[in-house]
Amino acid sequence: MKYIFISILLTFIFSCAMDSRKEDSIKLIEQISSFKEKNGRYPYSLGEIGVKEDEAGPIYYQLTDDSTNYRLWYGLGLGDSEEYKSETDTWYSPDNTNSVSK
């Protein structure tokens, strides 16, 4: 019984963290769009919109080579992540190429 409770608790904690990362990512998308409207280009890094970047994440940003689009992603677990592509305005799971809810 104790292990079932711990499993349920951990599942709840991880799902809350994922929801938080998704919400934070959506806010970043809005900030990036505002930056582009104001400056005519996407930021070269999240630092340009006042967000401290860290190799440990939790959210990652990458501008395309031609600077016309970008992607955001965050980890869901070991080897699994959710990715947003500005080109299609859609969220994807790289392990499953089907789009996921916005």
PDB file of N, CA and C in Angstrom:
ATOM      1  N   MET A   1       0.825  -1.194   0.000  1.00  0.00           N
ATOM      2  CA  MET A   1       0.000   0.000   0.000  1.00  0.00           C
ATOM      3  C   MET A   1       0.873   1.265   0.000  1.00  0.00           C
ATOM      4  N   LYS A   2       1.938   1.213   0.772  1.00  0.00           N
ATOM      5  CA  LYS A   2       2.853   2.349   0.866  1.00  0.00           C
ATOM      6  C   LYS A   2       3.455   2.681  -0.501  1.00  0.00           C
ATOM      7  N   TYR A   3       3.832   1.644  -1.263  1.00  0.00           N
ATOM      8  CA  TYR A   3       4.449   1.855  -2.570  1.00  0.00           C
ATOM      9  C   TYR A   3       3.452   2.412  -3.584  1.00  0.00           C
ATOM     10  N   ILE A   4       2.213   2.007  -3.467  1.00  0.00           N
ATOM     11  CA  ILE A   4       1.177   2.539  -4.362  1.00  0.00           C
ATOM     12  C   ILE A   4       1.003   4.030  -4.108  1.00  0.00           C
ATOM     13  N   PHE A   5       0.947   4.416  -2.850  1.00  0.00           N
ATOM     14  CA  PHE A   5       0.800   5.830  -2.500  1.00  0.00           C
ATOM     15  C   PHE A   5       1.981   6.647  -3.028  1.00  0.00           C
ATOM     16  N   ILE A   6       3.190   6.136  -2.843  1.00  0.00           N
ATOM     17  CA  ILE A   6       4.390   6.834  -3.320  1.00  0.00           C
ATOM     18  C   ILE A   6       4.357   6.957  -4.844  1.00  0.00           C
ATOM     19  N   SER A   7       3.953   5.895  -5.533  1.00  0.00           N
ATOM     20  CA  SER A   7       3.861   5.934  -7.000  1.00  0.00           C
ATOM     21  C   SER A   7       2.861   6.983  -7.468  1.00  0.00           C
ATOM     22  N   ILE A   8       1.717   7.039  -6.822  1.00  0.00           N
ATOM     23  CA  ILE A   8       0.688   8.026  -7.181  1.00  0.00           C
ATOM     24  C   ILE A   8       1.197   9.433  -6.912  1.00  0.00           C
ATOM     25  N   LEU A   9       1.841   9.627  -5.783  1.00  0.00           N
ATOM     26  CA  LEU A   9       2.375  10.937  -5.427  1.00  0.00           C
ATOM     27  C   LEU A   9       3.432  11.395  -6.432  1.00  0.00           C
ATOM     28  N   LEU A  10       4.345  10.516  -6.794  1.00  0.00           N
ATOM     29  CA  LEU A  10       5.385  10.866  -7.767  1.00  0.00           C
ATOM     30  C   LEU A  10       4.787  11.178  -9.138  1.00  0.00           C
ATOM     31  N   THR A  11       3.794  10.415  -9.547  1.00  0.00           N
ATOM     32  CA  THR A  11       3.116  10.685 -10.822  1.00  0.00           C
ATOM     33  C   THR A  11       2.485  12.063 -10.806  1.00  0.00           C
ATOM     34  N   PHE A  12       1.838  12.414  -9.713  1.00  0.00           N
ATOM     35  CA  PHE A  12       1.212  13.731  -9.580  1.00  0.00           C
ATOM     36  C   PHE A  12       2.260  14.841  -9.645  1.00  0.00           C
ATOM     37  N   ILE A  13       3.352  14.667  -8.934  1.00  0.00           N
ATOM     38  CA  ILE A  13       4.414  15.684  -8.910  1.00  0.00           C
ATOM     39  C   ILE A  13       4.993  15.888 -10.307  1.00  0.00           C
ATOM     40  N   PHE A  14       5.299  14.792 -11.016  1.00  0.00           N
ATOM     41  CA  PHE A  14       5.869  14.913 -12.362  1.00  0.00           C
ATOM     42  C   PHE A  14       4.880  15.523 -13.344  1.00  0.00           C
ATOM     43  N   SER A  15       3.599  15.190 -13.217  1.00  0.00           N
ATOM     44  CA  SER A  15       2.622  15.769 -14.148  1.00  0.00           C
ATOM     45  C   SER A  15       2.461  17.262 -13.898  1.00  0.00           C
ATOM     46  N   CYS A  16       2.543  17.704 -12.648  1.00  0.00           N
ATOM     47  CA  CYS A  16       2.482  19.139 -12.343  1.00  0.00           C
ATOM     48  C   CYS A  16       3.694  19.861 -12.925  1.00  0.00           C
ATOM     49  N   ALA A  17       4.857  19.248 -12.829  1.00  0.00           N
ATOM     50  CA  ALA A  17       6.075  19.858 -13.373  1.00  0.00           C
ATOM     51  C   ALA A  17       5.981  19.985 -14.887  1.00  0.00           C
ATOM     52  N   MET A  18       5.425  18.970 -15.563  1.00  0.00           N
ATOM     53  CA  MET A  18       5.285  19.028 -17.020  1.00  0.00           C
ATOM     54  C   MET A  18       4.303  20.120 -17.423  1.00  0.00           C
ATOM     55  N   ASP A  19       3.182  20.228 -16.688  1.00  0.00           N
ATOM     56  CA  ASP A  19       2.215  21.283 -16.983  1.00  0.00           C
ATOM     57  C   ASP A  19       2.854  22.650 -16.810  1.00  0.00           C
ATOM     58  N   SER A  20       3.673  22.800 -15.785  1.00  0.00           N
ATOM     59  CA  SER A  20       4.351  24.069 -15.526  1.00  0.00           C
ATOM     60  C   SER A  20       5.308  24.413 -16.661  1.00  0.00           C
ATOM     61  N   ARG A  21       6.045  23.428 -17.145  1.00  0.00           N
ATOM     62  CA  ARG A  21       6.973  23.674 -18.253  1.00  0.00           C
ATOM     63  C   ARG A  21       6.220  24.037 -19.527  1.00  0.00           C
ATOM     64  N   LYS A  22       5.082  23.411 -19.748  1.00  0.00           N
ATOM     65  CA  LYS A  22       4.273  23.734 -20.927  1.00  0.00           C
ATOM     66  C   LYS A  22       3.761  25.166 -20.809  1.00  0.00           C
ATOM     67  N   GLU A  23       3.252  25.541 -19.629  1.00  0.00           N
ATOM     68  CA  GLU A  23       2.766  26.909 -19.415  1.00  0.00           C
ATOM     69  C   GLU A  23       3.895  27.922 -19.587  1.00  0.00           C
ATOM     70  N   ASP A  24       5.061  27.623 -19.030  1.00  0.00           N
ATOM     71  CA  ASP A  24       6.217  28.514 -19.184  1.00  0.00           C
ATOM     72  C   ASP A  24       6.619  28.634 -20.650  1.00  0.00           C
ATOM     73  N   SER A  25       6.546  27.530 -21.379  1.00  0.00           N
ATOM     74  CA  SER A  25       6.889  27.548 -22.806  1.00  0.00           C
ATOM     75  C   SER A  25       5.908  28.407 -23.594  1.00  0.00           C
ATOM     76  N   ILE A  26       4.641  28.316 -23.271  1.00  0.00           N
ATOM     77  CA  ILE A  26       3.628  29.119 -23.958  1.00  0.00           C
ATOM     78  C   ILE A  26       3.866  30.605 -23.697  1.00  0.00           C
ATOM     79  N   LYS A  27       4.233  30.948 -22.479  1.00  0.00           N
ATOM     80  CA  LYS A  27       4.571  32.346 -22.165  1.00  0.00           C
ATOM     81  C   LYS A  27       5.796  32.800 -22.964  1.00  0.00           C
ATOM     82  N   LEU A  28       6.786  31.918 -23.086  1.00  0.00           N
ATOM     83  CA  LEU A  28       7.983  32.246 -23.876  1.00  0.00           C
ATOM     84  C   LEU A  28       7.628  32.481 -25.340  1.00  0.00           C
ATOM     85  N   ILE A  29       6.744  31.669 -25.874  1.00  0.00           N
ATOM     86  CA  ILE A  29       6.317  31.834 -27.268  1.00  0.00           C
ATOM     87  C   ILE A  29       5.703  33.217 -27.456  1.00  0.00           C
ATOM     88  N   GLU A  30       4.891  33.647 -26.496  1.00  0.00           N
ATOM     89  CA  GLU A  30       4.288  34.983 -26.563  1.00  0.00           C
ATOM     90  C   GLU A  30       5.357  36.071 -26.495  1.00  0.00           C
ATOM     91  N   GLN A  31       6.347  35.902 -25.615  1.00  0.00           N
ATOM     92  CA  GLN A  31       7.434  36.881 -25.497  1.00  0.00           C
ATOM     93  C   GLN A  31       8.268  36.935 -26.779  1.00  0.00           C
ATOM     94  N   ILE A  32       8.528  35.774 -27.356  1.00  0.00           N
ATOM     95  CA  ILE A  32       9.306  35.705 -28.592  1.00  0.00           C
ATOM     96  C   ILE A  32       8.545  36.396 -29.726  1.00  0.00           C
ATOM     97  N   SER A  33       7.237  36.166 -29.803  1.00  0.00           N
ATOM     98  CA  SER A  33       6.412  36.816 -30.834  1.00  0.00           C
ATOM     99  C   SER A  33       6.411  38.328 -30.667  1.00  0.00           C
ATOM    100  N   SER A  34       6.305  38.792 -29.427  1.00  0.00           N
ATOM    101  CA  SER A  34       6.338  40.237 -29.160  1.00  0.00           C
ATOM    102  C   SER A  34       7.681  40.832 -29.565  1.00  0.00           C
ATOM    103  N   PHE A  35       8.753  40.119 -29.259  1.00  0.00           N
ATOM    104  CA  PHE A  35      10.092  40.575 -29.639  1.00  0.00           C
ATOM    105  C   PHE A  35      10.183  40.710 -31.159  1.00  0.00           C
ATOM    106  N   LYS A  36       9.657  39.705 -31.878  1.00  0.00           N
ATOM    107  CA  LYS A  36       9.740  39.752 -33.341  1.00  0.00           C
ATOM    108  C   LYS A  36       8.929  40.925 -33.896  1.00  0.00           C
ATOM    109  N   GLU A  37       7.749  41.166 -33.342  1.00  0.00           N
ATOM    110  CA  GLU A  37       6.932  42.297 -33.802  1.00  0.00           C
ATOM    111  C   GLU A  37       7.665  43.620 -33.608  1.00  0.00           C
ATOM    112  N   LYS A  38       8.360  43.740 -32.492  1.00  0.00           N
ATOM    113  CA  LYS A  38       9.055  44.982 -32.164  1.00  0.00           C
ATOM    114  C   LYS A  38      10.361  45.151 -32.946  1.00  0.00           C
ATOM    115  N   ASN A  39      11.099  44.051 -33.145  1.00  0.00           N
ATOM    116  CA  ASN A  39      12.447  44.120 -33.724  1.00  0.00           C
ATOM    117  C   ASN A  39      12.564  43.590 -35.150  1.00  0.00           C
ATOM    118  N   GLY A  40      11.504  42.994 -35.668  1.00  0.00           N
ATOM    119  CA  GLY A  40      11.538  42.473 -37.030  1.00  0.00           C
ATOM    120  C   GLY A  40      12.319  41.186 -37.200  1.00  0.00           C
ATOM    121  N   ARG A  41      12.671  40.541 -36.097  1.00  0.00           N
ATOM    122  CA  ARG A  41      13.414  39.273 -36.140  1.00  0.00           C
ATOM    123  C   ARG A  41      13.191  38.533 -34.830  1.00  0.00           C
ATOM    124  N   TYR A  42      13.500  37.244 -34.861  1.00  0.00           N
ATOM    125  CA  TYR A  42      13.441  36.459 -33.631  1.00  0.00           C
ATOM    126  C   TYR A  42      14.701  36.720 -32.815  1.00  0.00           C
ATOM    127  N   PRO A  43      14.619  36.581 -31.487  1.00  0.00           N
ATOM    128  CA  PRO A  43      15.831  36.769 -30.671  1.00  0.00           C
ATOM    129  C   PRO A  43      16.864  35.681 -30.981  1.00  0.00           C
ATOM    130  N   TYR A  44      18.131  36.064 -30.896  1.00  0.00           N
ATOM    131  CA  TYR A  44      19.209  35.094 -31.113  1.00  0.00           C
ATOM    132  C   TYR A  44      19.318  34.124 -29.942  1.00  0.00           C
ATOM    133  N   SER A  45      18.877  34.580 -28.773  1.00  0.00           N
ATOM    134  CA  SER A  45      18.878  33.737 -27.579  1.00  0.00           C
ATOM    135  C   SER A  45      17.754  34.213 -26.668  1.00  0.00           C
ATOM    136  N   LEU A  46      17.407  33.407 -25.686  1.00  0.00           N
ATOM    137  CA  LEU A  46      16.374  33.810 -24.729  1.00  0.00           C
ATOM    138  C   LEU A  46      16.844  34.981 -23.877  1.00  0.00           C
ATOM    139  N   GLY A  47      18.154  35.149 -23.767  1.00  0.00           N
ATOM    140  CA  GLY A  47      18.708  36.274 -23.020  1.00  0.00           C
ATOM    141  C   GLY A  47      18.248  37.611 -23.568  1.00  0.00           C
ATOM    142  N   GLU A  48      17.977  37.676 -24.874  1.00  0.00           N
ATOM    143  CA  GLU A  48      17.517  38.927 -25.483  1.00  0.00           C
ATOM    144  C   GLU A  48      16.116  39.328 -25.026  1.00  0.00           C
ATOM    145  N   ILE A  49      15.363  38.375 -24.497  1.00  0.00           N
ATOM    146  CA  ILE A  49      14.039  38.714 -23.970  1.00  0.00           C
ATOM    147  C   ILE A  49      14.025  38.653 -22.439  1.00  0.00           C
ATOM    148  N   GLY A  50      15.226  38.633 -21.867  1.00  0.00           N
ATOM    149  CA  GLY A  50      15.347  38.696 -20.413  1.00  0.00           C
ATOM    150  C   GLY A  50      15.233  37.379 -19.686  1.00  0.00           C
ATOM    151  N   VAL A  51      15.372  36.265 -20.404  1.00  0.00           N
ATOM    152  CA  VAL A  51      15.279  34.942 -19.787  1.00  0.00           C
ATOM    153  C   VAL A  51      16.673  34.342 -19.701  1.00  0.00           C
ATOM    154  N   LYS A  52      17.061  33.970 -18.496  1.00  0.00           N
ATOM    155  CA  LYS A  52      18.377  33.368 -18.295  1.00  0.00           C
ATOM    156  C   LYS A  52      18.375  31.955 -18.868  1.00  0.00           C
ATOM    157  N   GLU A  53      19.355  31.681 -19.733  1.00  0.00           N
ATOM    158  CA  GLU A  53      19.473  30.347 -20.321  1.00  0.00           C
ATOM    159  C   GLU A  53      20.461  29.518 -19.522  1.00  0.00           C
ATOM    160  N   ASP A  54      20.165  28.240 -19.432  1.00  0.00           N
ATOM    161  CA  ASP A  54      20.995  27.323 -18.677  1.00  0.00           C
ATOM    162  C   ASP A  54      21.054  26.003 -19.439  1.00  0.00           C
ATOM    163  N   GLU A  55      22.229  25.397 -19.519  1.00  0.00           N
ATOM    164  CA  GLU A  55      22.355  24.111 -20.211  1.00  0.00           C
ATOM    165  C   GLU A  55      21.482  23.035 -19.578  1.00  0.00           C
ATOM    166  N   ALA A  56      21.141  23.214 -18.309  1.00  0.00           N
ATOM    167  CA  ALA A  56      20.306  22.242 -17.614  1.00  0.00           C
ATOM    168  C   ALA A  56      18.817  22.475 -17.866  1.00  0.00           C
ATOM    169  N   GLY A  57      18.489  23.485 -18.654  1.00  0.00           N
ATOM    170  CA  GLY A  57      17.093  23.748 -18.993  1.00  0.00           C
ATOM    171  C   GLY A  57      16.387  24.567 -17.949  1.00  0.00           C
ATOM    172  N   PRO A  58      15.152  24.372 -17.722  1.00  0.00           N
ATOM    173  CA  PRO A  58      14.340  23.244 -18.171  1.00  0.00           C
ATOM    174  C   PRO A  58      13.771  23.402 -19.580  1.00  0.00           C
ATOM    175  N   ILE A  59      13.823  24.607 -20.146  1.00  0.00           N
ATOM    176  CA  ILE A  59      13.288  24.849 -21.485  1.00  0.00           C
ATOM    177  C   ILE A  59      14.431  25.319 -22.383  1.00  0.00           C
ATOM    178  N   TYR A  60      14.466  24.775 -23.590  1.00  0.00           N
ATOM    179  CA  TYR A  60      15.540  25.093 -24.523  1.00  0.00           C
ATOM    180  C   TYR A  60      14.991  25.817 -25.750  1.00  0.00           C
ATOM    181  N   TYR A  61      15.799  26.707 -26.309  1.00  0.00           N
ATOM    182  CA  TYR A  61      15.425  27.516 -27.469  1.00  0.00           C
ATOM    183  C   TYR A  61      16.512  27.394 -28.520  1.00  0.00           C
ATOM    184  N   GLN A  62      16.094  27.250 -29.776  1.00  0.00           N
ATOM    185  CA  GLN A  62      17.069  27.197 -30.867  1.00  0.00           C
ATOM    186  C   GLN A  62      16.490  27.915 -32.081  1.00  0.00           C
ATOM    187  N   LEU A  63      17.231  28.888 -32.562  1.00  0.00           N
ATOM    188  CA  LEU A  63      16.878  29.620 -33.773  1.00  0.00           C
ATOM    189  C   LEU A  63      17.366  28.807 -34.971  1.00  0.00           C
ATOM    190  N   THR A  64      16.576  28.763 -36.041  1.00  0.00           N
ATOM    191  CA  THR A  64      17.015  28.028 -37.232  1.00  0.00           C
ATOM    192  C   THR A  64      18.214  28.735 -37.858  1.00  0.00           C
ATOM    193  N   ASP A  65      18.951  28.018 -38.677  1.00  0.00           N
ATOM    194  CA  ASP A  65      20.156  28.574 -39.308  1.00  0.00           C
ATOM    195  C   ASP A  65      19.873  29.848 -40.095  1.00  0.00           C
ATOM    196  N   ASP A  66      18.703  29.915 -40.734  1.00  0.00           N
ATOM    197  CA  ASP A  66      18.373  31.111 -41.519  1.00  0.00           C
ATOM    198  C   ASP A  66      17.619  32.167 -40.697  1.00  0.00           C
ATOM    199  N   SER A  67      17.447  31.912 -39.411  1.00  0.00           N
ATOM    200  CA  SER A  67      16.804  32.835 -38.454  1.00  0.00           C
ATOM    201  C   SER A  67      15.346  33.158 -38.774  1.00  0.00           C
ATOM    202  N   THR A  68      14.695  32.346 -39.602  1.00  0.00           N
ATOM    203  CA  THR A  68      13.302  32.617 -39.947  1.00  0.00           C
ATOM    204  C   THR A  68      12.311  31.887 -39.052  1.00  0.00           C
ATOM    205  N   ASN A  69      12.783  30.910 -38.293  1.00  0.00           N
ATOM    206  CA  ASN A  69      11.933  30.144 -37.385  1.00  0.00           C
ATOM    207  C   ASN A  69      12.753  29.718 -36.173  1.00  0.00           C
ATOM    208  N   TYR A  70      12.073  29.144 -35.208  1.00  0.00           N
ATOM    209  CA  TYR A  70      12.746  28.657 -34.008  1.00  0.00           C
ATOM    210  C   TYR A  70      11.996  27.447 -33.481  1.00  0.00           C
ATOM    211  N   ARG A  71      12.619  26.799 -32.512  1.00  0.00           N
ATOM    212  CA  ARG A  71      11.949  25.715 -31.803  1.00  0.00           C
ATOM    213  C   ARG A  71      12.231  25.831 -30.319  1.00  0.00           C
ATOM    214  N   LEU A  72      11.276  25.412 -29.524  1.00  0.00           N
ATOM    215  CA  LEU A  72      11.395  25.318 -28.067  1.00  0.00           C
ATOM    216  C   LEU A  72      11.152  23.863 -27.709  1.00  0.00           C
ATOM    217  N   TRP A  73      11.844  23.369 -26.701  1.00  0.00           N
ATOM    218  CA  TRP A  73      11.560  22.023 -26.237  1.00  0.00           C
ATOM    219  C   TRP A  73      11.938  21.877 -24.778  1.00  0.00           C
ATOM    220  N   TYR A  74      11.333  20.873 -24.166  1.00  0.00           N
ATOM    221  CA  TYR A  74      11.643  20.529 -22.777  1.00  0.00           C
ATOM    222  C   TYR A  74      11.471  19.028 -22.603  1.00  0.00           C
ATOM    223  N   GLY A  75      12.204  18.480 -21.651  1.00  0.00           N
ATOM    224  CA  GLY A  75      12.171  17.049 -21.411  1.00  0.00           C
ATOM    225  C   GLY A  75      10.946  16.621 -20.637  1.00  0.00           C
ATOM    226  N   LEU A  76      10.436  15.456 -21.016  1.00  0.00           N
ATOM    227  CA  LEU A  76       9.323  14.841 -20.299  1.00  0.00           C
ATOM    228  C   LEU A  76       9.814  13.716 -19.403  1.00  0.00           C
ATOM    229  N   GLY A  77      10.962  13.207 -19.710  1.00  0.00           N
ATOM    230  CA  GLY A  77      11.542  12.088 -18.983  1.00  0.00           C
ATOM    231  C   GLY A  77      12.757  11.622 -19.757  1.00  0.00           C
ATOM    232  N   LEU A  78      13.324  10.540 -19.362  1.00  0.00           N
ATOM    233  CA  LEU A  78      14.528  10.029 -20.004  1.00  0.00           C
ATOM    234  C   LEU A  78      14.264   9.733 -21.479  1.00  0.00           C
ATOM    235  N   GLY A  79      14.902  10.498 -22.354  1.00  0.00           N
ATOM    236  CA  GLY A  79      14.784  10.275 -23.787  1.00  0.00           C
ATOM    237  C   GLY A  79      13.481  10.721 -24.421  1.00  0.00           C
ATOM    238  N   ASP A  80      12.659  11.459 -23.700  1.00  0.00           N
ATOM    239  CA  ASP A  80      11.370  11.896 -24.233  1.00  0.00           C
ATOM    240  C   ASP A  80      11.210  13.391 -24.013  1.00  0.00           C
ATOM    241  N   SER A  81      10.758  14.093 -25.026  1.00  0.00           N
ATOM    242  CA  SER A  81      10.574  15.535 -24.894  1.00  0.00           C
ATOM    243  C   SER A  81       9.385  15.992 -25.723  1.00  0.00           C
ATOM    244  N   GLU A  82       8.971  17.212 -25.464  1.00  0.00           N
ATOM    245  CA  GLU A  82       7.922  17.846 -26.246  1.00  0.00           C
ATOM    246  C   GLU A  82       8.542  19.062 -26.912  1.00  0.00           C
ATOM    247  N   GLU A  83       8.232  19.269 -28.188  1.00  0.00           N
ATOM    248  CA  GLU A  83       8.896  20.310 -28.969  1.00  0.00           C
ATOM    249  C   GLU A  83       7.868  21.178 -29.685  1.00  0.00           C
ATOM    250  N   TYR A  84       8.102  22.494 -29.674  1.00  0.00           N
ATOM    251  CA  TYR A  84       7.278  23.453 -30.406  1.00  0.00           C
ATOM    252  C   TYR A  84       8.076  23.971 -31.592  1.00  0.00           C
ATOM    253  N   LYS A  85       7.457  23.977 -32.775  1.00  0.00           N
ATOM    254  CA  LYS A  85       8.101  24.514 -33.975  1.00  0.00           C
ATOM    255  C   LYS A  85       7.302  25.719 -34.450  1.00  0.00           C
ATOM    256  N   SER A  86       7.969  26.873 -34.515  1.00  0.00           N
ATOM    257  CA  SER A  86       7.283  28.098 -34.921  1.00  0.00           C
ATOM    258  C   SER A  86       6.826  28.034 -36.374  1.00  0.00           C
ATOM    259  N   GLU A  87       7.543  27.301 -37.188  1.00  0.00           N
ATOM    260  CA  GLU A  87       7.216  27.190 -38.609  1.00  0.00           C
ATOM    261  C   GLU A  87       5.795  26.665 -38.824  1.00  0.00           C
ATOM    262  N   THR A  88       5.386  25.719 -37.968  1.00  0.00           N
ATOM    263  CA  THR A  88       4.057  25.120 -38.092  1.00  0.00           C
ATOM    264  C   THR A  88       3.122  25.532 -36.961  1.00  0.00           C
ATOM    265  N   ASP A  89       3.652  26.282 -35.977  1.00  0.00           N
ATOM    266  CA  ASP A  89       2.881  26.695 -34.802  1.00  0.00           C
ATOM    267  C   ASP A  89       2.236  25.488 -34.119  1.00  0.00           C
ATOM    268  N   THR A  90       3.036  24.417 -33.975  1.00  0.00           N
ATOM    269  CA  THR A  90       2.521  23.158 -33.450  1.00  0.00           C
ATOM    270  C   THR A  90       3.512  22.529 -32.476  1.00  0.00           C
ATOM    271  N   TRP A  91       2.969  21.832 -31.479  1.00  0.00           N
ATOM    272  CA  TRP A  91       3.769  21.051 -30.542  1.00  0.00           C
ATOM    273  C   TRP A  91       3.897  19.629 -31.069  1.00  0.00           C
ATOM    274  N   TYR A  92       5.077  19.038 -30.919  1.00  0.00           N
ATOM    275  CA  TYR A  92       5.348  17.674 -31.352  1.00  0.00           C
ATOM    276  C   TYR A  92       6.072  16.916 -30.252  1.00  0.00           C
ATOM    277  N   SER A  93       5.894  15.608 -30.288  1.00  0.00           N
ATOM    278  CA  SER A  93       6.725  14.723 -29.492  1.00  0.00           C
ATOM    279  C   SER A  93       7.690  14.074 -30.472  1.00  0.00           C
ATOM    280  N   PRO A  94       9.007  14.374 -30.386  1.00  0.00           N
ATOM    281  CA  PRO A  94       9.969  13.846 -31.367  1.00  0.00           C
ATOM    282  C   PRO A  94       9.962  12.328 -31.499  1.00  0.00           C
ATOM    283  N   ASP A  95       9.638  11.613 -30.419  1.00  0.00           N
ATOM    284  CA  ASP A  95       9.593  10.156 -30.500  1.00  0.00           C
ATOM    285  C   ASP A  95       8.352   9.675 -31.239  1.00  0.00           C
ATOM    286  N   ASN A  96       7.348  10.547 -31.300  1.00  0.00           N
ATOM    287  CA  ASN A  96       6.115  10.258 -32.014  1.00  0.00           C
ATOM    288  C   ASN A  96       5.825  11.488 -32.856  1.00  0.00           C
ATOM    289  N   THR A  97       5.999  11.411 -34.144  1.00  0.00           N
ATOM    290  CA  THR A  97       5.929  12.597 -34.998  1.00  0.00           C
ATOM    291  C   THR A  97       4.534  13.195 -35.121  1.00  0.00           C
ATOM    292  N   ASN A  98       3.555  12.597 -34.479  1.00  0.00           N
ATOM    293  CA  ASN A  98       2.217  13.192 -34.494  1.00  0.00           C
ATOM    294  C   ASN A  98       2.206  14.440 -33.635  1.00  0.00           C
ATOM    295  N   SER A  99       1.458  15.431 -34.068  1.00  0.00           N
ATOM    296  CA  SER A  99       1.377  16.656 -33.273  1.00  0.00           C
ATOM    297  C   SER A  99       0.594  16.385 -32.000  1.00  0.00           C
ATOM    298  N   VAL A 100       0.862  17.182 -30.989  1.00  0.00           N
ATOM    299  CA  VAL A 100       0.153  17.081 -29.719  1.00  0.00           C
ATOM    300  C   VAL A 100      -0.585  18.381 -29.480  1.00  0.00           C
ATOM    301  N   SER A 101      -1.460  18.378 -28.498  1.00  0.00           N
ATOM    302  CA  SER A 101      -2.309  19.547 -28.257  1.00  0.00           C
ATOM    303  C   SER A 101      -1.506  20.795 -27.963  1.00  0.00           C
ATOM    304  N   LYS A 102      -2.048  21.923 -28.385  1.00  0.00           N
ATOM    305  CA  LYS A 102      -1.418  23.223 -28.138  1.00  0.00           C
ATOM    306  C   LYS A 102      -1.694  23.659 -26.727  1.00  0.00           C
TER     307      LYS A 102
END
